N, C-alpha and C. Protein backbone atom coordinates (compact mmCIF):
# COMPACT_ATOMS: atom_id res chain seq x y z
N UNK A 1 -38.26 -4.05 6.89
CA UNK A 1 -38.23 -4.42 5.72
C UNK A 1 -39.14 -2.98 4.75
N UNK A 2 -38.34 -2.79 4.02
CA UNK A 2 -38.74 -1.70 2.83
C UNK A 2 -38.93 -2.17 1.68
N UNK A 3 -40.06 -2.22 1.04
CA UNK A 3 -40.26 -2.82 -0.40
C UNK A 3 -40.04 -1.56 -1.32
N UNK A 4 -39.95 -1.78 -2.35
CA UNK A 4 -39.54 -0.51 -3.25
C UNK A 4 -40.72 -1.28 -4.27
N UNK A 5 -41.70 0.00 -4.61
CA UNK A 5 -42.90 -0.23 -5.86
C UNK A 5 -42.83 0.88 -6.50
N UNK A 6 -42.88 0.54 -7.88
CA UNK A 6 -43.05 1.55 -9.07
C UNK A 6 -44.10 1.69 -9.98
N UNK A 7 -44.93 2.49 -9.78
CA UNK A 7 -46.27 2.67 -10.42
C UNK A 7 -46.24 2.11 -12.00
N UNK A 8 -47.17 1.43 -12.90
CA UNK A 8 -47.16 0.95 -14.18
C UNK A 8 -48.53 1.45 -14.78
N UNK A 9 -48.90 2.66 -14.25
CA UNK A 9 -50.29 3.20 -14.64
C UNK A 9 -49.51 3.78 -15.85
N UNK A 10 -50.30 4.64 -16.80
CA UNK A 10 -50.41 5.28 -17.62
C UNK A 10 -51.17 6.77 -18.14
N UNK A 11 -52.44 6.35 -17.34
CA UNK A 11 -53.58 7.23 -17.26
C UNK A 11 -54.33 7.30 -15.79
N UNK A 12 -54.80 8.21 -15.52
CA UNK A 12 -55.36 8.50 -14.33
C UNK A 12 -56.51 9.61 -14.52
N UNK A 13 -57.97 9.37 -13.70
CA UNK A 13 -58.81 10.20 -13.54
C UNK A 13 -58.62 11.35 -12.94
N UNK A 14 -58.93 12.23 -13.33
CA UNK A 14 -58.99 13.54 -12.22
C UNK A 14 -60.04 13.48 -11.20
N UNK A 15 -59.73 13.87 -9.99
CA UNK A 15 -60.89 13.44 -8.71
C UNK A 15 -61.85 14.45 -8.86
N UNK A 16 -61.68 15.57 -9.39
CA UNK A 16 -62.44 16.62 -9.30
C UNK A 16 -63.44 16.41 -10.71
N UNK A 17 -63.20 16.31 -11.96
CA UNK A 17 -63.74 16.39 -13.24
C UNK A 17 -63.92 15.13 -13.65
N UNK A 18 -63.56 14.14 -13.36
CA UNK A 18 -63.39 12.60 -13.78
C UNK A 18 -62.77 12.44 -15.37
N UNK A 19 -62.10 13.47 -15.75
CA UNK A 19 -61.53 13.22 -16.93
C UNK A 19 -60.24 12.51 -17.27
N UNK A 20 -60.19 11.58 -17.71
CA UNK A 20 -59.09 10.51 -17.90
C UNK A 20 -57.75 11.94 -18.56
N UNK A 21 -56.53 11.65 -17.62
CA UNK A 21 -55.57 12.21 -18.24
C UNK A 21 -54.06 11.26 -18.21
N UNK A 22 -53.67 11.51 -19.62
CA UNK A 22 -52.35 10.80 -20.02
C UNK A 22 -51.14 11.42 -19.81
N UNK A 23 -51.44 12.39 -19.59
CA UNK A 23 -50.28 13.35 -19.36
C UNK A 23 -49.35 13.37 -17.75
N UNK A 24 -47.98 12.96 -17.69
CA UNK A 24 -47.75 13.08 -16.51
C UNK A 24 -47.07 14.49 -16.26
N UNK A 25 -47.10 14.77 -15.34
CA UNK A 25 -46.36 16.22 -14.49
C UNK A 25 -45.27 15.86 -14.03
N UNK A 26 -45.35 15.15 -12.99
CA UNK A 26 -44.11 14.88 -12.27
C UNK A 26 -44.15 13.13 -11.55
N UNK A 27 -43.19 12.69 -11.08
CA UNK A 27 -43.05 11.77 -10.18
C UNK A 27 -43.28 11.98 -8.40
N UNK A 28 -43.44 11.19 -7.97
CA UNK A 28 -43.14 11.22 -6.10
C UNK A 28 -43.52 10.08 -5.66
N UNK A 29 -42.81 10.37 -4.36
CA UNK A 29 -42.52 9.18 -3.54
C UNK A 29 -43.55 9.14 -1.96
N UNK A 30 -43.86 7.97 -1.66
CA UNK A 30 -44.89 7.76 -0.83
C UNK A 30 -44.43 6.89 0.19
N UNK A 31 -44.18 6.91 1.52
CA UNK A 31 -43.87 5.98 2.37
C UNK A 31 -45.06 5.38 3.06
N UNK A 32 -45.19 4.10 2.94
CA UNK A 32 -46.67 3.78 3.62
C UNK A 32 -46.46 2.41 4.22
N UNK A 33 -46.74 2.25 5.45
CA UNK A 33 -46.59 1.18 6.49
C UNK A 33 -47.79 0.08 6.13
N UNK A 34 -47.15 -1.05 5.98
CA UNK A 34 -48.25 -2.26 5.46
C UNK A 34 -48.29 -3.45 6.68
N UNK A 35 -48.98 -4.43 6.43
CA UNK A 35 -48.97 -5.54 7.25
C UNK A 35 -47.59 -5.94 7.76
N UNK A 36 -47.42 -6.25 8.94
CA UNK A 36 -45.95 -6.85 9.50
C UNK A 36 -45.64 -8.15 8.02
N UNK A 37 -44.06 -8.34 8.20
CA UNK A 37 -43.78 -9.51 7.13
C UNK A 37 -43.00 -10.36 8.41
N UNK A 38 -43.42 -11.25 8.82
CA UNK A 38 -42.89 -12.19 9.76
C UNK A 38 -42.78 -11.66 11.21
N UNK A 39 -43.60 -10.78 11.56
CA UNK A 39 -43.53 -9.64 12.78
C UNK A 39 -42.55 -8.95 12.64
N UNK A 40 -42.51 -8.57 11.47
CA UNK A 40 -41.36 -7.18 11.33
C UNK A 40 -41.89 -6.08 10.67
N UNK A 41 -41.57 -4.74 11.26
CA UNK A 41 -42.40 -3.76 10.66
C UNK A 41 -41.95 -3.21 9.02
N UNK A 42 -42.87 -3.56 8.48
CA UNK A 42 -42.89 -3.41 6.80
C UNK A 42 -43.58 -2.02 6.19
N UNK A 43 -42.67 -1.46 5.29
CA UNK A 43 -42.95 -0.30 4.83
C UNK A 43 -43.00 -0.40 3.01
N UNK A 44 -43.84 0.07 2.20
CA UNK A 44 -43.90 0.39 1.01
C UNK A 44 -43.25 1.77 0.67
N UNK A 45 -42.16 1.69 -0.28
CA UNK A 45 -41.77 3.04 -0.75
C UNK A 45 -42.15 3.06 -2.22
N UNK A 46 -43.34 3.98 -2.43
CA UNK A 46 -44.04 4.05 -3.50
C UNK A 46 -43.61 4.67 -4.65
N UNK A 47 -43.38 4.67 -5.80
CA UNK A 47 -42.58 5.88 -6.88
C UNK A 47 -43.85 5.78 -7.74
N UNK A 48 -44.79 7.14 -7.74
CA UNK A 48 -46.05 7.12 -8.31
C UNK A 48 -46.07 8.12 -9.14
N UNK A 49 -47.17 8.37 -10.01
CA UNK A 49 -47.32 9.65 -10.76
C UNK A 49 -48.07 10.81 -10.38
N UNK A 50 -47.69 11.89 -10.59
CA UNK A 50 -48.66 13.31 -10.42
C UNK A 50 -48.92 13.86 -12.06
N UNK A 51 -50.25 13.56 -12.71
CA UNK A 51 -50.80 14.10 -13.59
C UNK A 51 -51.33 15.31 -13.53
N UNK A 52 -51.29 15.82 -14.92
CA UNK A 52 -51.93 17.02 -15.45
C UNK A 52 -53.13 16.97 -15.85
N UNK A 53 -54.15 18.04 -15.47
CA UNK A 53 -55.79 17.91 -15.92
C UNK A 53 -55.62 18.90 -17.04
N UNK A 54 -55.94 18.29 -17.95
CA UNK A 54 -55.77 18.80 -19.28
C UNK A 54 -57.40 19.50 -19.79
N UNK A 55 -58.51 19.45 -18.60
CA UNK A 55 -59.59 20.07 -18.54
C UNK A 55 -59.47 21.60 -18.49
N UNK A 56 -59.69 22.47 -19.47
CA UNK A 56 -59.51 24.09 -19.13
C UNK A 56 -60.68 24.60 -17.96
N UNK A 57 -61.64 23.96 -18.03
CA UNK A 57 -62.73 24.26 -16.86
C UNK A 57 -62.52 23.73 -15.65
N UNK A 58 -61.66 22.84 -15.53
CA UNK A 58 -61.51 22.41 -14.08
C UNK A 58 -60.71 23.18 -13.18
N UNK A 59 -60.61 23.43 -12.00
CA UNK A 59 -59.74 24.17 -11.15
C UNK A 59 -58.42 23.43 -10.67
N UNK A 60 -58.43 22.22 -11.05
CA UNK A 60 -57.48 20.90 -10.43
C UNK A 60 -56.68 21.19 -11.73
N UNK A 61 -55.33 21.82 -11.33
CA UNK A 61 -54.20 21.61 -12.14
C UNK A 61 -53.38 20.27 -12.65
N UNK A 62 -53.34 19.79 -11.25
CA UNK A 62 -52.04 18.74 -11.29
C UNK A 62 -52.69 17.62 -9.86
N UNK A 63 -52.74 16.51 -9.91
CA UNK A 63 -53.63 15.61 -9.03
C UNK A 63 -52.55 14.32 -8.91
N UNK A 64 -52.46 13.57 -7.97
CA UNK A 64 -51.77 12.44 -7.75
C UNK A 64 -52.56 11.39 -8.00
N UNK A 65 -51.92 10.14 -8.68
CA UNK A 65 -52.84 8.97 -8.94
C UNK A 65 -53.23 8.27 -7.82
N UNK A 66 -54.20 7.50 -7.94
CA UNK A 66 -54.82 6.48 -6.84
C UNK A 66 -54.26 5.59 -6.31
N UNK A 67 -53.91 5.04 -5.44
CA UNK A 67 -53.29 3.82 -5.32
C UNK A 67 -53.96 2.82 -5.03
N UNK A 68 -54.07 1.52 -5.53
CA UNK A 68 -55.51 0.81 -5.27
C UNK A 68 -55.32 0.08 -3.89
N UNK A 69 -53.92 0.01 -3.24
CA UNK A 69 -54.45 -0.61 -1.92
C UNK A 69 -53.84 0.96 -0.57
N UNK A 70 -54.23 1.97 -1.09
CA UNK A 70 -53.85 3.01 0.11
C UNK A 70 -54.49 4.11 -0.04
N UNK A 71 -55.65 5.01 0.71
CA UNK A 71 -56.37 5.80 0.49
C UNK A 71 -55.35 6.97 0.26
N UNK A 72 -56.08 8.41 -0.23
CA UNK A 72 -54.92 9.25 -0.47
C UNK A 72 -54.59 10.06 0.69
N UNK A 73 -53.58 10.37 0.65
CA UNK A 73 -52.67 11.12 1.92
C UNK A 73 -52.47 10.34 3.14
N UNK A 74 -52.78 8.90 3.14
CA UNK A 74 -52.68 8.01 4.19
C UNK A 74 -51.69 7.34 4.24
N UNK A 75 -51.03 7.01 5.33
CA UNK A 75 -49.75 6.02 5.43
C UNK A 75 -49.71 5.18 5.90
N UNK A 76 -50.76 4.66 5.87
CA UNK A 76 -51.06 3.09 6.22
C UNK A 76 -51.87 2.17 4.71
N UNK A 77 -51.62 1.28 4.67
CA UNK A 77 -52.53 0.63 3.77
C UNK A 77 -53.87 0.06 3.98
N UNK A 78 -54.57 -0.32 3.36
CA UNK A 78 -55.87 -0.57 3.48
C UNK A 78 -55.70 -1.67 4.74
N UNK A 79 -55.32 -2.76 4.14
CA UNK A 79 -55.14 -3.93 4.66
C UNK A 79 -54.54 -3.72 6.24
N UNK A 80 -53.41 -2.73 6.55
CA UNK A 80 -53.09 -2.56 7.64
C UNK A 80 -54.07 -1.96 8.63
N UNK A 81 -54.81 -1.25 8.16
CA UNK A 81 -55.93 -0.59 8.58
C UNK A 81 -56.95 -1.46 9.23
N UNK A 82 -57.62 -2.48 8.47
CA UNK A 82 -58.23 -3.45 8.86
C UNK A 82 -57.57 -4.34 10.00
N UNK A 83 -56.22 -4.45 9.47
CA UNK A 83 -55.78 -5.59 10.78
C UNK A 83 -55.44 -5.00 12.15
N UNK A 84 -55.27 -3.69 12.13
CA UNK A 84 -55.38 -2.85 13.32
C UNK A 84 -56.76 -2.93 14.08
N UNK A 85 -57.76 -2.55 13.09
CA UNK A 85 -59.07 -2.64 13.55
C UNK A 85 -59.65 -4.04 14.14
N UNK A 86 -59.34 -5.05 13.58
CA UNK A 86 -59.63 -6.11 13.84
C UNK A 86 -58.87 -6.46 15.22
N UNK A 87 -58.46 -5.88 15.51
CA UNK A 87 -57.36 -6.28 17.14
C UNK A 87 -58.07 -5.24 17.92
N UNK A 88 -58.32 -4.12 17.46
CA UNK A 88 -58.74 -2.92 18.64
C UNK A 88 -60.46 -3.23 18.91
N UNK A 89 -61.16 -3.95 18.28
CA UNK A 89 -62.16 -4.28 19.02
C UNK A 89 -62.40 -5.09 20.27
N UNK A 90 -61.32 -5.92 20.38
CA UNK A 90 -61.11 -6.53 21.42
C UNK A 90 -60.53 -5.82 22.84
N UNK A 91 -59.80 -5.03 22.58
CA UNK A 91 -59.24 -4.09 23.86
C UNK A 91 -59.21 -2.64 23.44
N UNK A 92 -58.58 -2.08 24.41
CA UNK A 92 -58.57 -0.71 24.54
C UNK A 92 -57.27 -0.03 23.78
N UNK A 93 -57.14 1.16 22.96
CA UNK A 93 -56.40 1.43 21.95
C UNK A 93 -54.81 1.43 22.51
N UNK A 94 -54.64 1.93 23.92
CA UNK A 94 -53.45 1.71 24.41
C UNK A 94 -52.78 0.02 24.24
N UNK A 95 -53.68 -0.61 24.58
CA UNK A 95 -53.05 -2.05 24.73
C UNK A 95 -52.86 -2.51 23.28
N UNK A 96 -53.77 -1.94 22.43
CA UNK A 96 -53.68 -2.49 20.91
C UNK A 96 -52.65 -2.14 20.32
N UNK A 97 -52.09 -1.04 20.70
CA UNK A 97 -50.66 -0.45 20.57
C UNK A 97 -49.71 -1.09 20.71
N UNK A 98 -49.57 -1.50 22.22
CA UNK A 98 -48.50 -2.43 22.61
C UNK A 98 -48.64 -3.69 21.94
N UNK A 99 -49.68 -4.55 21.63
CA UNK A 99 -49.63 -5.60 21.09
C UNK A 99 -49.20 -5.61 19.73
N UNK A 100 -49.45 -4.93 19.09
CA UNK A 100 -49.24 -4.45 18.01
C UNK A 100 -47.63 -4.22 17.54
N UNK A 101 -47.24 -3.66 18.53
CA UNK A 101 -45.62 -3.15 18.56
C UNK A 101 -44.68 -4.71 18.65
N UNK A 102 -45.36 -5.81 19.25
CA UNK A 102 -44.51 -6.87 19.22
C UNK A 102 -44.72 -7.76 18.13
N UNK A 103 -46.03 -7.32 17.25
CA UNK A 103 -46.21 -7.98 15.95
C UNK A 103 -45.86 -7.48 14.82
N UNK A 104 -45.06 -6.27 15.03
CA UNK A 104 -44.13 -5.72 13.86
C UNK A 104 -45.08 -4.21 13.00
N UNK A 105 -46.08 -3.66 13.90
CA UNK A 105 -46.48 -2.55 13.67
C UNK A 105 -46.50 -1.50 14.49
N UNK A 106 -46.00 -0.25 13.65
CA UNK A 106 -45.70 0.91 14.81
C UNK A 106 -47.07 1.68 14.52
N UNK A 107 -47.84 1.83 15.67
CA UNK A 107 -48.73 2.80 15.70
C UNK A 107 -49.28 3.38 16.98
N UNK A 108 -49.50 4.51 17.05
CA UNK A 108 -49.87 5.02 18.63
C UNK A 108 -51.31 4.72 18.90
N UNK A 109 -51.52 4.91 20.10
CA UNK A 109 -52.96 5.01 20.64
C UNK A 109 -53.86 5.94 19.81
N UNK A 110 -53.36 7.10 20.10
CA UNK A 110 -53.99 8.29 19.44
C UNK A 110 -54.19 8.04 18.03
N UNK A 111 -53.51 7.31 17.35
CA UNK A 111 -53.64 7.05 15.65
C UNK A 111 -54.87 6.00 15.64
N UNK A 112 -54.89 4.96 16.68
CA UNK A 112 -56.09 4.01 16.67
C UNK A 112 -57.38 4.65 16.85
N UNK A 113 -57.38 5.51 17.86
CA UNK A 113 -58.73 6.18 18.11
C UNK A 113 -59.08 7.31 16.82
N UNK A 114 -58.05 7.67 16.08
CA UNK A 114 -58.16 8.42 15.21
C UNK A 114 -58.81 7.66 14.20
N UNK A 115 -58.36 6.15 13.80
CA UNK A 115 -58.86 5.33 12.96
C UNK A 115 -60.30 5.11 13.18
N UNK A 116 -60.56 4.65 14.45
CA UNK A 116 -62.20 4.22 15.01
C UNK A 116 -62.95 5.46 14.81
N UNK A 117 -62.44 6.69 15.10
CA UNK A 117 -63.37 7.77 15.22
C UNK A 117 -63.94 8.09 13.54
N UNK A 118 -63.02 7.77 12.26
CA UNK A 118 -63.01 8.16 11.37
C UNK A 118 -63.73 7.14 10.62
N UNK A 119 -64.48 5.88 11.23
CA UNK A 119 -65.37 4.87 10.28
C UNK A 119 -66.34 5.75 10.02
N UNK A 120 -66.73 5.57 8.72
CA UNK A 120 -68.02 5.96 8.17
C UNK A 120 -69.04 4.87 8.26
N UNK A 121 -70.16 4.97 8.41
CA UNK A 121 -71.25 3.89 8.44
C UNK A 121 -72.00 4.55 7.32
N UNK A 122 -72.05 3.76 6.57
CA UNK A 122 -72.95 3.97 5.35
C UNK A 122 -74.18 3.01 4.87
N UNK A 123 -75.54 3.88 5.07
CA UNK A 123 -76.49 2.58 4.89
C UNK A 123 -76.65 2.55 3.58
N UNK A 124 -77.50 1.61 2.88
CA UNK A 124 -77.83 1.09 1.67
C UNK A 124 -78.99 0.76 1.81
N UNK A 125 -80.16 1.49 1.27
CA UNK A 125 -81.49 1.02 1.21
C UNK A 125 -81.90 -0.24 0.07
N UNK A 126 -80.97 -0.59 -0.58
CA UNK A 126 -81.36 -1.45 -1.50
C UNK A 126 -80.49 -3.10 -1.11
N UNK A 127 -79.93 -2.91 0.35
CA UNK A 127 -79.37 -4.22 0.50
C UNK A 127 -80.21 -5.07 0.66
N UNK A 128 -79.87 -6.63 0.30
CA UNK A 128 -80.86 -7.58 0.46
C UNK A 128 -80.20 -8.86 1.27
N UNK A 129 -79.17 -8.70 2.03
CA UNK A 129 -78.58 -9.60 2.87
C UNK A 129 -77.74 -9.08 3.83
N UNK A 130 -78.31 -9.07 5.21
CA UNK A 130 -77.55 -8.36 6.18
C UNK A 130 -76.90 -9.22 7.49
N UNK A 131 -76.18 -8.70 8.40
CA UNK A 131 -76.14 -9.49 9.35
C UNK A 131 -76.39 -8.87 10.74
N UNK A 132 -77.01 -9.33 11.79
CA UNK A 132 -77.37 -8.35 12.83
C UNK A 132 -76.76 -9.16 14.17
N UNK A 133 -76.18 -8.46 14.97
CA UNK A 133 -75.55 -8.89 15.95
C UNK A 133 -75.76 -7.65 17.42
N UNK A 134 -75.60 -8.21 18.68
CA UNK A 134 -75.32 -6.80 19.54
C UNK A 134 -73.97 -6.88 19.83
N UNK A 135 -73.83 -5.91 20.05
CA UNK A 135 -72.32 -5.51 20.39
C UNK A 135 -72.16 -4.27 21.69
N UNK A 136 -70.90 -4.44 22.33
CA UNK A 136 -71.01 -3.99 23.87
C UNK A 136 -70.34 -2.62 23.41
N UNK A 137 -71.03 -1.50 23.93
CA UNK A 137 -70.18 -0.24 23.89
C UNK A 137 -69.37 0.13 25.07
N UNK A 138 -69.74 -0.48 26.42
CA UNK A 138 -69.16 -0.49 28.05
C UNK A 138 -69.59 -1.79 28.45
N UNK A 139 -68.97 -2.91 28.39
CA UNK A 139 -69.07 -4.10 28.86
C UNK A 139 -70.16 -4.05 29.98
N UNK A 140 -71.35 -4.61 29.86
CA UNK A 140 -72.16 -4.48 31.47
C UNK A 140 -72.71 -3.39 31.46
N UNK A 141 -72.54 -2.63 30.37
CA UNK A 141 -73.45 -0.99 31.04
C UNK A 141 -73.90 -0.67 29.68
N UNK A 142 -73.56 -0.55 28.36
CA UNK A 142 -74.30 -0.16 27.22
C UNK A 142 -73.98 -0.94 26.20
N UNK A 143 -75.32 -1.03 25.29
CA UNK A 143 -75.26 -2.37 24.25
C UNK A 143 -75.69 -1.47 22.95
N UNK A 144 -75.20 -1.79 21.74
CA UNK A 144 -75.78 -1.48 20.71
C UNK A 144 -76.20 -2.60 19.60
N UNK A 145 -76.93 -2.27 18.40
CA UNK A 145 -77.34 -3.26 17.42
C UNK A 145 -76.63 -2.98 16.20
N UNK A 146 -75.57 -3.99 15.68
CA UNK A 146 -74.71 -3.65 14.93
C UNK A 146 -75.45 -4.50 13.29
N UNK A 147 -75.53 -3.46 12.35
CA UNK A 147 -75.89 -4.10 10.84
C UNK A 147 -75.26 -3.90 10.08
N UNK A 148 -74.52 -5.18 9.41
CA UNK A 148 -73.56 -5.36 8.47
C UNK A 148 -74.35 -5.80 7.12
N UNK A 149 -73.47 -5.70 5.97
CA UNK A 149 -73.95 -6.25 4.63
C UNK A 149 -72.91 -7.58 4.78
N UNK A 150 -73.68 -8.41 4.58
CA UNK A 150 -73.18 -9.71 4.40
C UNK A 150 -72.07 -9.88 2.82
N UNK A 151 -72.42 -8.93 2.39
CA UNK A 151 -71.41 -9.52 0.93
C UNK A 151 -70.40 -8.69 1.28
N UNK A 152 -70.13 -7.83 1.62
CA UNK A 152 -68.57 -7.06 1.94
C UNK A 152 -68.39 -6.67 3.39
N UNK A 153 -69.07 -7.24 4.20
CA UNK A 153 -68.94 -6.97 5.84
C UNK A 153 -68.64 -5.46 6.36
N UNK A 154 -69.20 -4.47 5.32
CA UNK A 154 -69.37 -3.26 5.66
C UNK A 154 -70.42 -2.88 6.59
N UNK A 155 -70.28 -2.13 7.42
CA UNK A 155 -71.26 -1.62 8.44
C UNK A 155 -72.24 -0.95 7.87
N UNK A 156 -73.57 -1.12 8.26
CA UNK A 156 -74.61 -0.20 7.53
C UNK A 156 -75.25 0.84 8.69
N UNK A 157 -75.33 0.08 9.94
CA UNK A 157 -75.97 0.93 10.93
C UNK A 157 -75.51 0.37 12.09
N UNK A 158 -75.85 1.36 13.30
CA UNK A 158 -75.42 0.97 14.78
C UNK A 158 -76.44 1.59 15.31
N UNK A 159 -77.46 0.98 15.57
CA UNK A 159 -78.76 1.35 16.31
C UNK A 159 -78.43 1.12 17.98
N UNK A 160 -78.81 2.15 18.75
CA UNK A 160 -78.48 2.27 19.90
C UNK A 160 -79.74 0.66 20.84
N UNK A 161 -79.04 0.27 21.81
CA UNK A 161 -79.87 -0.68 22.52
C UNK A 161 -79.76 -1.87 21.73
N UNK A 162 -80.68 -2.88 22.47
CA UNK A 162 -80.89 -3.59 21.76
C UNK A 162 -82.13 -4.63 21.57
N UNK A 163 -83.30 -3.29 22.05
CA UNK A 163 -84.61 -3.51 21.36
C UNK A 163 -85.05 -4.05 20.40
N UNK A 164 -86.38 -4.59 19.92
CA UNK A 164 -86.91 -5.02 18.94
C UNK A 164 -87.15 -3.60 18.17
N UNK A 165 -87.76 -2.76 19.01
CA UNK A 165 -88.43 -1.52 18.21
C UNK A 165 -87.39 -0.64 17.13
N UNK A 166 -86.19 -0.45 17.49
CA UNK A 166 -85.15 0.31 17.17
C UNK A 166 -84.87 -0.85 15.73
N UNK A 167 -84.72 -1.77 15.93
CA UNK A 167 -84.66 -2.85 14.62
C UNK A 167 -85.46 -2.70 13.63
N UNK A 168 -86.87 -2.65 14.18
CA UNK A 168 -88.21 -2.52 13.56
C UNK A 168 -87.88 -1.54 12.61
N UNK A 169 -87.83 -0.35 13.07
CA UNK A 169 -87.83 0.84 12.55
C UNK A 169 -86.88 0.79 11.25
N UNK A 170 -85.57 0.67 11.65
CA UNK A 170 -84.57 0.25 10.87
C UNK A 170 -85.18 -0.43 9.63
N UNK A 171 -85.91 -1.61 9.76
CA UNK A 171 -86.31 -2.70 8.77
C UNK A 171 -87.29 -2.26 7.60
N UNK A 172 -88.11 -1.14 8.21
CA UNK A 172 -89.02 -0.91 7.54
C UNK A 172 -88.61 -0.13 6.41
N UNK A 173 -87.23 0.39 6.53
CA UNK A 173 -86.67 1.32 5.21
C UNK A 173 -85.85 0.53 4.10
N UNK A 174 -85.93 -1.06 4.88
CA UNK A 174 -85.17 -1.60 4.07
C UNK A 174 -86.05 -2.82 3.41
N UNK A 175 -86.65 -2.85 2.73
CA UNK A 175 -87.86 -3.74 2.49
C UNK A 175 -87.46 -4.98 1.40
N UNK A 176 -85.99 -4.81 0.94
CA UNK A 176 -85.56 -5.77 -0.37
C UNK A 176 -84.55 -6.74 0.28
N UNK A 177 -84.82 -6.44 1.62
CA UNK A 177 -84.17 -7.66 2.48
C UNK A 177 -84.59 -9.01 2.12
N UNK A 178 -83.69 -10.18 1.79
CA UNK A 178 -84.37 -11.45 1.78
C UNK A 178 -83.65 -12.42 2.75
N UNK A 179 -82.53 -11.91 3.33
CA UNK A 179 -81.58 -13.20 4.15
C UNK A 179 -81.01 -12.17 5.49
N UNK A 180 -81.10 -12.65 6.40
CA UNK A 180 -80.63 -12.37 7.76
C UNK A 180 -80.00 -13.21 8.62
N UNK A 181 -78.73 -12.80 8.75
CA UNK A 181 -77.92 -13.78 9.68
C UNK A 181 -78.02 -13.13 11.13
N UNK A 182 -78.27 -13.95 11.97
CA UNK A 182 -78.34 -13.01 13.37
C UNK A 182 -77.93 -14.01 14.81
N UNK A 183 -77.74 -13.45 15.86
CA UNK A 183 -77.70 -14.22 16.94
C UNK A 183 -79.02 -14.74 17.46
N UNK A 184 -79.08 -15.50 18.52
CA UNK A 184 -80.30 -16.13 18.95
C UNK A 184 -80.96 -15.43 19.60
N UNK A 185 -81.20 -14.23 19.84
CA UNK A 185 -81.72 -13.24 20.49
C UNK A 185 -83.24 -13.28 20.11
N UNK A 186 -84.27 -13.24 20.95
CA UNK A 186 -85.64 -13.47 20.29
C UNK A 186 -85.95 -12.08 20.26
N UNK A 187 -85.68 -11.12 20.50
CA UNK A 187 -85.95 -9.49 20.43
C UNK A 187 -85.58 -9.36 18.62
N UNK A 188 -84.46 -9.99 18.18
CA UNK A 188 -84.13 -9.61 16.94
C UNK A 188 -85.15 -10.44 16.01
N UNK A 189 -85.44 -11.63 16.52
CA UNK A 189 -85.99 -12.73 15.85
C UNK A 189 -87.67 -12.18 15.73
N UNK A 190 -88.40 -11.67 16.44
CA UNK A 190 -89.19 -11.19 16.53
C UNK A 190 -89.36 -9.68 15.82
N UNK A 191 -88.55 -8.99 15.50
CA UNK A 191 -88.92 -7.69 14.78
C UNK A 191 -88.61 -8.20 13.21
N UNK A 192 -88.02 -9.30 13.12
CA UNK A 192 -87.52 -9.51 11.39
C UNK A 192 -88.85 -10.11 10.75
N UNK A 193 -89.45 -11.11 11.94
CA UNK A 193 -90.52 -11.32 11.74
C UNK A 193 -91.91 -10.76 11.47
N UNK A 194 -91.78 -9.54 12.26
CA UNK A 194 -93.12 -8.90 12.26
C UNK A 194 -92.66 -7.90 10.96
N UNK A 195 -91.57 -7.67 10.46
CA UNK A 195 -91.48 -6.32 9.45
C UNK A 195 -91.40 -6.97 8.29
N UNK A 196 -90.52 -8.42 8.11
CA UNK A 196 -90.23 -9.01 6.83
C UNK A 196 -90.49 -10.13 7.14
N UNK A 197 -92.02 -10.84 7.01
CA UNK A 197 -92.46 -12.24 7.41
C UNK A 197 -92.11 -13.25 6.42
N UNK A 198 -91.11 -13.13 5.20
CA UNK A 198 -90.77 -13.91 4.05
C UNK A 198 -89.41 -13.75 4.15
N UNK A 199 -88.70 -13.18 5.02
CA UNK A 199 -87.32 -13.16 4.90
C UNK A 199 -86.71 -14.72 5.93
N UNK A 200 -85.39 -14.73 5.10
CA UNK A 200 -85.10 -16.13 5.63
C UNK A 200 -83.95 -15.31 7.01
N UNK A 201 -84.16 -16.75 7.91
CA UNK A 201 -83.55 -16.30 8.66
C UNK A 201 -82.44 -17.19 9.24
């Protein structure tokens, strides 16, 4: 399935200097794979705009507009990337690629590996509500502690091991936390009570 989309934007900010441009330079096409439709491979053919930067002090002369559903120079929508990741956390990249092929997604195991390796963990010291859970790096062998923002589910930290000491050190740097959703591990409960006694668990 190919869905044709034409941009309706009339202005865009330069990615370098941040100044709005209203001057088109050219149009261009992007083919971007989206989440499947009824288990059928689905692509978006996007007709978008290239703009001129009118700032004489900016070294960027022309730039492509940002699409709200796909990152710059990527061939998959953000929704498709999230869809792939939601399956890949349960199995190997090769198995994920095979399962997805039956669901209408064309993606190789190498591409899935690259998506996983390019995940950015961005910590925010002003976060107020977090979720904490243990995750298996290698099941039965090594584990880690995952901490994520409850509001947008973005990953804030991946701590080595499942011990209270590592979590306590992280909590000391995040004094604004008011609420924690966690599993029933006593180590996590103890760490939270020690560092943030007024926090709701």
